[in-house]
Amino acid sequence: MITEELLTELKAIIPEEQVIAGEQNHPLGNCGQVKVFPQTEEEIATILIYANDNGKKVFVEGGGTKRGFGGLTESADILISLTNYKGVVEHVVGDMTLTVKAGTTFKELQDYLAQHKQKISLDPFQPESATIGGIISSNDSGPKRLGYGSSRDVVIGLRLVYPDGKVIRAGGKVVKNVAGYDMNKLFIGSMGTLGVLSEVTIKLRPLPKYESLILLMFPYGNIEEIRAFSTRFFDSTMEPVTLELLSPTLSEKLTGQCYFTLAIGLEDVETSVRYQENLIQRIQPEQTDLKILGQQEAQFLWNQFYSLSLSPLADGSKVTQASLKIGVINMDVPDVIKESHLLGDSHNLVVEAHGGLGHGLCQVNLYGTNEDIVAAIRKIRDSVSRMGGYAVVKNLPFALRQEVDVWGEKPPYFSLLEGIKTKVDPNRVLNPKRFVGGI
């Protein structure tokens, strides 16, 4: 009865065909009794004004790839889907800037930009489904963060709709923008708790003339040898876009070889890439195997890598899936990957892990029973905490998010985060309990 009333009221303020009954009982939660598909910024504002004035709770999603990331409420009143809110707003080829609507998928953008020999220097997972708004809201990044940076490095302007319907702009549309505080950083990574991203302005980079991928395999799994090579590598003149350590399980899945493997990505003009390949071959440690993938092979492997996804399994499956984002000092990454790999035997799990020795961020995917998953997450957290790092759970079924604190302990600056949320969204309308400390 409540859903029918909500449907009727929403159909009175936006076109009827853009309002449907929402999905319930999704394994990852973050559902909505009613799902709406706004096509304009004005419609987004109208929905938020209605929710704010009538005490309704609102969730926001793009392609749904971050659905299992945070959230302690199974269903809101309204789920705003931005899948129909997409398209390029402005592309200044000469200035290498792009303004785009938040619901546009990453792959659509990269395909469009490739026609102009440009690209967005981000590398999120599931690029076919992940939207630019979701990537920015979650501050998603991959192994190429070493060479590309993160969302905070490429975003130069945002347009947002506040929970009360007001539209604001942060930053600008030019790369050199020094007017006032850099408010973009406040919204990037805030999980949509402060406003609905409407438009994003991004600085671009040229497509590389050539790229290759070097796979350096350590058959004996000597962690100290991996660390020593990485230190020597960073002391050289080489400029890789990735130096990612793959666990044996993940390496076998991608390359067919079950070894600890360093994936070294190179992008530049071909002569520079070839020069760096030769340097790496000269400093290759003894008792290691090295394979160089040319441009097409490298792109194929990266496509496989970024397509690795955690999606709900068929009903009745006893396998639970989880994903953790771990941050440590960069040279502690080999220890994280090794300890994560050992969880496979000690906790009866399938573990696929990788981490960047340049930036210190790791991702660990776990597959197993609920009990083993929860125990493994706690063990990883304890281990990472002793290293002075952190572990955030990026994907976990809704039921287990009641047992495991996705974000871990509240940070010392939590009162500041809570104060900003209270100021911007005093009625707790937008993505409630989705961020750190249940904000």
Protein backbone atom coordinates (compact mmCIF):
# COMPACT_ATOMS: atom_id res chain seq x y z
CA MET A 1 0.00 0.00 0.00
CA ILE A 2 2.81 2.39 0.90
CA THR A 3 4.66 1.51 -2.32
CA GLU A 4 1.54 2.16 -4.41
CA GLU A 5 1.08 5.56 -2.78
CA LEU A 6 4.75 6.41 -3.36
CA LEU A 7 4.50 5.32 -6.99
CA THR A 8 1.48 7.54 -7.52
CA GLU A 9 3.11 10.57 -5.93
CA LEU A 10 6.34 10.21 -7.91
CA LYS A 11 4.47 9.71 -11.19
CA ALA A 12 2.79 13.05 -10.52
CA ILE A 13 6.13 14.91 -10.51
CA ILE A 14 8.18 13.12 -13.19
CA PRO A 15 7.10 11.25 -16.37
CA GLU A 16 5.19 8.08 -15.52
CA GLU A 17 7.35 5.81 -17.71
CA GLN A 18 10.41 6.74 -15.61
CA VAL A 19 8.97 5.28 -12.39
CA ILE A 20 8.70 1.57 -11.58
CA ALA A 21 8.29 -0.62 -8.50
CA GLY A 22 11.69 -1.39 -7.04
CA GLU A 23 13.49 -4.69 -6.63
CA GLN A 24 13.42 -6.14 -3.13
CA ASN A 25 15.52 -8.75 -1.30
CA HIS A 26 18.63 -8.25 -3.42
CA PRO A 27 21.59 -10.15 -1.87
CA LEU A 28 23.65 -6.95 -1.76
CA GLY A 29 20.89 -4.74 -0.36
CA ASN A 30 20.79 -1.02 -1.20
CA CYS A 31 17.41 -1.46 -2.88
CA GLY A 32 14.47 0.93 -3.21
CA GLN A 33 10.72 0.46 -2.87
CA VAL A 34 10.38 2.61 -5.98
CA LYS A 35 13.01 3.00 -8.69
CA VAL A 36 13.17 6.19 -10.74
CA PHE A 37 15.14 6.98 -13.89
CA PRO A 38 15.64 10.75 -14.20
CA GLN A 39 16.83 12.05 -17.56
CA THR A 40 17.56 15.66 -16.60
CA GLU A 41 19.19 17.49 -13.73
CA GLU A 42 15.85 19.18 -13.03
CA GLU A 43 14.20 15.79 -12.53
CA ILE A 44 16.94 14.75 -10.09
CA ALA A 45 16.35 17.95 -8.12
CA THR A 46 12.58 17.44 -8.17
CA ILE A 47 12.90 13.92 -6.74
CA LEU A 48 15.25 15.08 -3.98
CA ILE A 49 13.01 18.02 -3.03
CA TYR A 50 10.06 15.62 -2.78
CA ALA A 51 12.06 13.21 -0.61
CA ASN A 52 13.44 15.96 1.62
CA ASP A 53 10.00 17.51 2.16
CA ASN A 54 8.25 14.20 2.82
CA GLY A 55 10.77 12.39 5.01
CA LYS A 56 11.76 9.81 2.38
CA LYS A 57 15.14 8.10 2.15
CA VAL A 58 16.99 7.98 -1.18
CA PHE A 59 19.67 5.67 -2.54
CA VAL A 60 21.57 6.48 -5.74
CA GLU A 61 23.18 4.10 -8.21
CA GLY A 62 24.73 4.15 -11.66
CA GLY A 63 25.57 0.78 -13.18
CA GLY A 64 25.19 -1.04 -9.86
CA THR A 65 28.84 -2.13 -9.70
CA LYS A 66 29.27 -0.63 -6.19
CA ARG A 67 26.02 -2.02 -4.79
CA GLY A 68 27.80 -4.21 -2.24
CA PHE A 69 30.02 -1.36 -1.04
CA GLY A 70 28.69 -0.03 2.27
CA GLY A 71 25.12 0.37 3.41
CA LEU A 72 23.37 -0.86 6.55
CA THR A 73 19.83 -0.26 5.28
CA GLU A 74 18.45 -2.96 3.00
CA SER A 75 16.00 -0.71 1.17
CA ALA A 76 15.32 3.01 0.89
CA ASP A 77 12.02 4.55 -0.16
CA ILE A 78 13.42 5.70 -3.50
CA LEU A 79 16.28 4.36 -5.61
CA ILE A 80 17.52 6.90 -8.16
CA SER A 81 19.12 5.17 -11.14
CA LEU A 82 21.25 7.36 -13.38
CA THR A 83 21.46 4.80 -16.21
CA ASN A 84 19.38 7.07 -18.48
CA TYR A 85 21.22 10.23 -17.46
CA LYS A 86 24.20 10.03 -19.75
CA GLY A 87 26.09 11.73 -22.55
CA VAL A 88 28.93 14.14 -23.30
CA VAL A 89 28.10 17.74 -22.37
CA GLU A 90 31.27 19.41 -23.65
CA HIS A 91 34.58 18.20 -25.04
CA VAL A 92 37.29 20.77 -25.64
CA VAL A 93 39.77 18.72 -27.63
CA GLY A 94 42.51 21.37 -27.65
CA ASP A 95 42.32 21.95 -23.89
CA MET A 96 42.00 18.19 -23.27
CA THR A 97 38.99 18.56 -20.98
CA LEU A 98 35.69 16.69 -20.95
CA THR A 99 32.40 17.44 -19.20
CA VAL A 100 30.03 14.51 -19.03
CA LYS A 101 26.80 13.45 -17.33
CA ALA A 102 27.32 11.19 -14.33
CA GLY A 103 25.43 8.14 -15.64
CA THR A 104 27.71 7.63 -18.64
CA THR A 105 29.65 4.37 -18.50
CA PHE A 106 33.43 4.45 -18.47
CA LYS A 107 33.74 2.31 -21.60
CA GLU A 108 31.39 4.59 -23.54
CA LEU A 109 33.61 7.53 -22.64
CA GLN A 110 36.85 5.80 -23.53
CA ASP A 111 35.43 4.62 -26.87
CA TYR A 112 34.30 8.16 -27.67
CA LEU A 113 37.62 9.73 -26.65
CA ALA A 114 39.64 7.16 -28.63
CA GLN A 115 38.30 8.78 -31.81
CA HIS A 116 40.19 11.92 -30.74
CA LYS A 117 43.28 9.96 -29.58
CA GLN A 118 42.57 10.88 -25.97
CA LYS A 119 41.58 9.00 -22.81
CA ILE A 120 40.59 9.41 -19.17
CA SER A 121 43.54 8.46 -17.00
CA LEU A 122 41.61 6.20 -14.64
CA ASP A 123 41.35 2.41 -14.69
CA PRO A 124 38.27 1.20 -12.79
CA PHE A 125 36.99 -2.34 -12.64
CA GLN A 126 34.00 -3.43 -14.76
CA PRO A 127 34.38 -0.49 -17.19
CA GLU A 128 31.46 -1.67 -19.33
CA SER A 129 29.02 -1.10 -16.45
CA ALA A 130 30.76 1.31 -14.07
CA THR A 131 29.56 4.90 -14.54
CA ILE A 132 31.77 7.93 -14.23
CA GLY A 133 29.61 9.16 -11.32
CA GLY A 134 30.02 5.90 -9.43
CA ILE A 135 33.76 5.83 -10.05
CA ILE A 136 34.16 9.37 -8.71
CA SER A 137 31.80 8.84 -5.75
CA SER A 138 33.70 5.75 -4.61
CA ASN A 139 37.16 7.00 -5.67
CA ASP A 140 37.66 3.75 -7.54
CA SER A 141 41.02 3.02 -9.16
CA GLY A 142 43.17 0.12 -10.34
CA PRO A 143 46.83 -0.84 -10.80
CA LYS A 144 47.53 2.05 -13.19
CA ARG A 145 47.00 4.46 -10.33
CA LEU A 146 50.80 4.42 -10.08
CA GLY A 147 51.10 6.28 -13.39
CA TYR A 148 47.63 7.82 -13.69
CA GLY A 149 46.80 8.99 -10.17
CA SER A 150 43.30 8.80 -8.70
CA SER A 151 40.00 10.60 -9.27
CA ARG A 152 41.23 13.45 -7.10
CA ASP A 153 44.04 13.99 -9.61
CA VAL A 154 41.92 14.07 -12.77
CA VAL A 155 38.65 15.75 -11.71
CA ILE A 156 38.72 19.52 -12.19
CA GLY A 157 35.03 20.27 -11.71
CA LEU A 158 31.80 18.78 -10.39
CA ARG A 159 28.16 19.73 -10.60
CA LEU A 160 25.97 18.31 -7.83
CA VAL A 161 22.40 18.35 -6.61
CA TYR A 162 22.16 18.76 -2.85
CA PRO A 163 19.54 16.80 -0.86
CA ASP A 164 17.34 19.93 -0.70
CA GLY A 165 17.39 20.24 -4.51
CA LYS A 166 19.93 23.04 -4.78
CA VAL A 167 22.41 22.69 -7.65
CA ILE A 168 26.01 23.64 -6.88
CA ARG A 169 29.30 23.63 -8.78
CA ALA A 170 32.70 22.76 -7.34
CA GLY A 171 35.86 23.56 -9.26
CA GLY A 172 35.64 24.68 -12.87
CA LYS A 173 36.11 23.66 -16.48
CA VAL A 174 39.76 24.55 -16.95
CA VAL A 175 42.83 22.70 -15.73
CA LYS A 176 44.44 25.71 -14.02
CA ASN A 177 41.75 26.67 -11.55
CA VAL A 178 42.91 28.39 -8.35
CA ALA A 179 39.70 30.07 -7.22
CA GLY A 180 39.07 29.24 -3.55
CA TYR A 181 39.12 25.85 -1.84
CA ASP A 182 39.33 22.66 -3.90
CA MET A 183 35.82 21.52 -3.01
CA ASN A 184 35.99 18.61 -5.46
CA LYS A 185 37.95 16.58 -2.94
CA LEU A 186 35.11 16.84 -0.43
CA PHE A 187 32.73 14.94 -2.71
CA ILE A 188 35.13 12.47 -4.33
CA GLY A 189 34.95 9.22 -2.38
CA SER A 190 32.02 10.34 -0.22
CA MET A 191 29.82 7.50 -1.52
CA GLY A 192 27.06 9.85 -2.63
CA THR A 193 26.18 10.90 0.91
CA LEU A 194 26.50 14.66 0.29
CA GLY A 195 24.86 15.12 -3.10
CA VAL A 196 23.94 13.47 -6.38
CA LEU A 197 26.69 13.96 -8.95
CA SER A 198 25.17 15.51 -12.04
CA GLU A 199 28.15 16.42 -14.24
CA VAL A 200 31.87 15.73 -14.02
CA THR A 201 34.63 17.72 -15.72
CA ILE A 202 37.85 15.77 -16.21
CA LYS A 203 41.27 16.54 -17.60
CA LEU A 204 42.37 14.08 -20.28
CA ARG A 205 45.63 12.65 -21.53
CA PRO A 206 46.72 11.49 -25.00
CA LEU A 207 46.45 7.83 -25.90
CA PRO A 208 49.89 6.27 -25.54
CA LYS A 209 51.73 5.67 -28.77
CA TYR A 210 52.67 2.20 -27.56
CA GLU A 211 52.32 0.01 -24.50
CA SER A 212 53.61 -3.31 -23.28
CA LEU A 213 53.26 -5.47 -20.20
CA ILE A 214 56.14 -7.34 -18.61
CA LEU A 215 55.30 -10.36 -16.47
CA LEU A 216 58.13 -11.15 -14.06
CA MET A 217 57.42 -14.47 -12.34
CA PHE A 218 59.00 -15.65 -9.09
CA PRO A 219 58.65 -19.49 -9.07
CA TYR A 220 60.08 -19.80 -5.55
CA GLY A 221 57.86 -17.08 -4.08
CA ASN A 222 60.71 -15.30 -2.32
CA ILE A 223 59.06 -12.17 -0.91
CA GLU A 224 62.34 -10.52 0.02
CA GLU A 225 63.56 -11.01 -3.55
CA ILE A 226 60.40 -9.33 -4.86
CA ARG A 227 60.89 -6.43 -2.46
CA ALA A 228 64.58 -6.06 -3.35
CA PHE A 229 63.85 -6.03 -7.09
CA SER A 230 61.10 -3.44 -6.61
CA THR A 231 63.42 -1.18 -4.62
CA ARG A 232 66.07 -1.43 -7.32
CA PHE A 233 63.45 -0.81 -9.96
CA PHE A 234 62.22 2.40 -8.34
CA ASP A 235 65.80 3.61 -7.95
CA SER A 236 66.20 3.42 -11.73
CA THR A 237 65.09 5.91 -14.39
CA MET A 238 62.10 3.80 -15.47
CA GLU A 239 58.59 5.26 -15.36
CA PRO A 240 56.03 2.43 -15.34
CA VAL A 241 52.28 2.98 -15.13
CA THR A 242 51.99 -0.19 -13.04
CA LEU A 243 54.12 -2.30 -10.77
CA GLU A 244 51.47 -4.71 -9.54
CA LEU A 245 52.11 -7.91 -7.63
CA LEU A 246 49.66 -10.71 -8.48
CA SER A 247 49.02 -13.62 -6.12
CA PRO A 248 49.66 -17.11 -7.56
CA THR A 249 45.92 -17.83 -7.86
CA LEU A 250 45.23 -14.61 -9.75
CA SER A 251 48.34 -15.03 -11.88
CA GLU A 252 47.24 -18.51 -12.88
CA LYS A 253 43.80 -17.20 -13.82
CA LEU A 254 45.27 -14.47 -16.05
CA THR A 255 48.49 -16.00 -17.35
CA GLY A 256 48.29 -19.74 -16.75
CA GLN A 257 51.30 -19.61 -14.39
CA CYS A 258 50.71 -20.17 -10.65
CA TYR A 259 53.50 -17.92 -9.35
CA PHE A 260 53.85 -14.64 -7.51
CA THR A 261 54.05 -12.35 -10.54
CA LEU A 262 54.99 -8.71 -11.00
CA ALA A 263 53.00 -7.02 -13.77
CA ILE A 264 55.03 -4.06 -15.04
CA GLY A 265 53.04 -1.81 -17.38
CA LEU A 266 54.84 0.57 -19.73
CA GLU A 267 53.22 3.32 -21.83
CA ASP A 268 55.09 5.83 -24.01
CA VAL A 269 56.47 6.13 -27.51
CA GLU A 270 57.65 2.74 -28.72
CA THR A 271 61.37 3.54 -28.53
CA SER A 272 61.03 4.51 -24.85
CA VAL A 273 59.03 1.39 -24.05
CA ARG A 274 61.60 -0.83 -25.79
CA TYR A 275 64.42 0.90 -23.92
CA GLN A 276 62.73 0.24 -20.57
CA GLU A 277 62.05 -3.38 -21.52
CA ASN A 278 65.78 -3.87 -22.11
CA LEU A 279 66.64 -2.26 -18.78
CA ILE A 280 64.25 -4.59 -16.95
CA GLN A 281 65.76 -7.61 -18.67
CA ARG A 282 69.22 -6.50 -17.52
CA ILE A 283 68.20 -6.27 -13.85
CA GLN A 284 66.01 -9.38 -13.89
CA PRO A 285 66.75 -11.46 -10.77
CA GLU A 286 68.15 -14.94 -11.16
CA GLN A 287 65.72 -17.87 -11.04
CA THR A 288 62.83 -15.75 -12.34
CA ASP A 289 60.92 -16.04 -15.58
CA LEU A 290 60.18 -13.00 -17.72
CA LYS A 291 57.64 -12.59 -20.49
CA ILE A 292 56.98 -9.45 -22.53
CA LEU A 293 53.48 -8.91 -23.92
CA GLY A 294 53.21 -6.58 -26.90
CA GLN A 295 50.51 -3.98 -27.26
CA GLN A 296 47.62 -6.21 -28.33
CA GLU A 297 48.46 -8.98 -25.84
CA ALA A 298 48.85 -6.43 -23.04
CA GLN A 299 45.50 -4.82 -23.80
CA PHE A 300 43.84 -8.27 -23.90
CA LEU A 301 45.22 -9.20 -20.48
CA TRP A 302 44.21 -5.85 -18.95
CA ASN A 303 40.70 -6.29 -20.35
CA GLN A 304 40.52 -9.66 -18.60
CA PHE A 305 41.86 -8.13 -15.40
CA TYR A 306 39.37 -5.25 -15.25
CA SER A 307 36.48 -7.58 -16.08
CA LEU A 308 37.06 -9.57 -12.90
CA SER A 309 33.86 -8.95 -11.03
CA LEU A 310 32.00 -9.93 -7.92
CA SER A 311 28.34 -10.41 -8.74
CA PRO A 312 25.51 -12.17 -6.91
CA LEU A 313 25.57 -15.90 -7.52
CA ALA A 314 22.56 -18.04 -8.33
CA ASP A 315 20.05 -18.65 -5.56
CA GLY A 316 21.04 -21.63 -3.48
CA SER A 317 24.77 -21.19 -4.02
CA LYS A 318 26.81 -21.73 -0.90
CA VAL A 319 29.68 -19.57 -2.12
CA THR A 320 29.94 -16.06 -0.70
CA GLN A 321 31.99 -13.39 -2.46
CA ALA A 322 33.79 -10.49 -0.82
CA SER A 323 36.33 -7.89 -1.84
CA LEU A 324 38.67 -5.81 0.33
CA LYS A 325 40.62 -2.65 -0.40
CA ILE A 326 43.78 -2.50 1.67
CA GLY A 327 46.18 0.39 2.10
CA VAL A 328 49.70 -0.07 3.50
CA ILE A 329 53.20 1.34 3.03
CA ASN A 330 54.10 0.36 -0.51
CA MET A 331 56.92 -2.04 0.38
CA ASP A 332 54.58 -3.92 2.74
CA VAL A 333 52.45 -4.95 -0.25
CA PRO A 334 54.31 -8.27 -0.81
CA ASP A 335 53.53 -9.25 2.80
CA VAL A 336 49.83 -8.44 2.31
CA ILE A 337 49.64 -10.48 -0.90
CA LYS A 338 51.48 -13.43 0.64
CA GLU A 339 49.35 -13.48 3.80
CA SER A 340 46.17 -13.15 1.73
CA HIS A 341 47.27 -16.06 -0.46
CA LEU A 342 47.89 -18.25 2.61
CA LEU A 343 44.30 -17.66 3.74
CA GLY A 344 43.24 -19.95 0.91
CA ASP A 345 44.49 -23.01 2.79
CA SER A 346 43.98 -21.85 6.37
CA HIS A 347 40.37 -20.71 5.81
CA ASN A 348 39.31 -22.98 2.94
CA LEU A 349 38.87 -20.06 0.53
CA VAL A 350 39.69 -19.17 -3.03
CA VAL A 351 41.75 -15.96 -2.80
CA GLU A 352 42.67 -13.66 -5.69
CA ALA A 353 44.86 -10.76 -4.59
CA HIS A 354 46.95 -8.01 -6.15
CA GLY A 355 48.68 -4.87 -4.91
CA GLY A 356 50.71 -1.94 -6.19
CA LEU A 357 54.28 -1.59 -4.99
CA GLY A 358 54.20 2.03 -6.09
CA HIS A 359 51.06 3.21 -4.30
CA GLY A 360 50.48 0.64 -1.55
CA LEU A 361 46.87 -0.19 -2.43
CA CYS A 362 45.81 -3.83 -2.63
CA GLN A 363 42.62 -5.63 -3.55
CA VAL A 364 41.78 -9.05 -2.14
CA ASN A 365 38.84 -11.05 -3.51
CA LEU A 366 37.55 -13.92 -1.35
CA TYR A 367 35.26 -16.81 -2.28
CA GLY A 368 33.94 -19.27 0.30
CA THR A 369 31.35 -19.82 3.03
CA ASN A 370 29.98 -16.99 5.17
CA GLU A 371 31.85 -18.14 8.27
CA ASP A 372 35.18 -18.47 6.49
CA ILE A 373 34.76 -15.09 4.76
CA VAL A 374 34.04 -13.28 8.04
CA ALA A 375 36.95 -14.97 9.81
CA ALA A 376 39.32 -14.12 6.94
CA ILE A 377 38.27 -10.46 6.90
CA ARG A 378 38.98 -10.18 10.63
CA LYS A 379 42.35 -11.88 10.26
CA ILE A 380 43.35 -9.61 7.36
CA ARG A 381 42.30 -6.54 9.33
CA ASP A 382 44.38 -7.57 12.34
CA SER A 383 47.40 -8.21 10.16
CA VAL A 384 47.09 -4.96 8.22
CA SER A 385 46.52 -2.98 11.41
CA ARG A 386 49.84 -4.25 12.77
CA MET A 387 51.45 -2.85 9.61
CA GLY A 388 49.86 0.54 10.28
CA GLY A 389 47.46 0.16 7.34
CA TYR A 390 43.71 -0.13 6.85
CA ALA A 391 41.23 -2.51 5.23
CA VAL A 392 37.88 -1.48 3.78
CA VAL A 393 35.35 -4.07 2.57
CA LYS A 394 34.37 -3.06 -0.98
CA ASN A 395 31.89 -5.86 -1.64
CA LEU A 396 29.94 -8.00 0.82
CA PRO A 397 26.39 -9.38 0.94
CA PHE A 398 23.96 -7.26 2.94
CA ALA A 399 23.45 -9.91 5.63
CA LEU A 400 27.18 -10.05 6.39
CA ARG A 401 27.48 -6.27 6.48
CA GLN A 402 25.45 -6.49 9.70
CA GLU A 403 28.29 -8.57 11.21
CA VAL A 404 31.36 -6.92 9.69
CA ASP A 405 32.01 -3.19 9.91
CA VAL A 406 32.74 -2.37 6.28
CA TRP A 407 34.77 0.75 7.09
CA GLY A 408 36.54 -0.42 10.24
CA GLU A 409 37.12 1.86 13.20
CA LYS A 410 36.04 5.49 13.01
CA PRO A 411 38.93 7.76 12.04
CA PRO A 412 40.11 10.53 14.42
CA TYR A 413 38.51 13.13 12.13
CA PHE A 414 35.09 11.44 12.16
CA SER A 415 33.42 14.36 13.95
CA LEU A 416 34.39 16.56 11.00
CA LEU A 417 32.78 14.14 8.52
CA GLU A 418 29.63 13.92 10.65
CA GLY A 419 29.47 17.71 10.93
CA ILE A 420 29.65 18.15 7.14
CA LYS A 421 26.92 15.53 6.61
CA THR A 422 24.68 17.22 9.18
CA LYS A 423 25.17 20.61 7.54
CA VAL A 424 24.56 19.42 3.97
CA ASP A 425 21.90 16.79 4.66
CA PRO A 426 20.30 17.50 8.06
CA ASN A 427 17.36 15.17 7.35
CA ARG A 428 19.66 12.26 6.43
CA VAL A 429 17.87 11.81 3.12
CA LEU A 430 20.70 10.77 0.83
CA ASN A 431 22.43 7.35 0.98
CA PRO A 432 21.92 7.02 4.75
CA LYS A 433 24.33 4.69 6.61
CA ARG A 434 26.41 4.18 3.47
CA PHE A 435 29.67 5.80 4.54
CA VAL A 436 32.21 5.76 7.40
CA GLY A 437 30.69 5.38 10.87
CA GLY A 438 27.18 4.91 9.48
CA ILE A 439 26.92 8.41 7.98
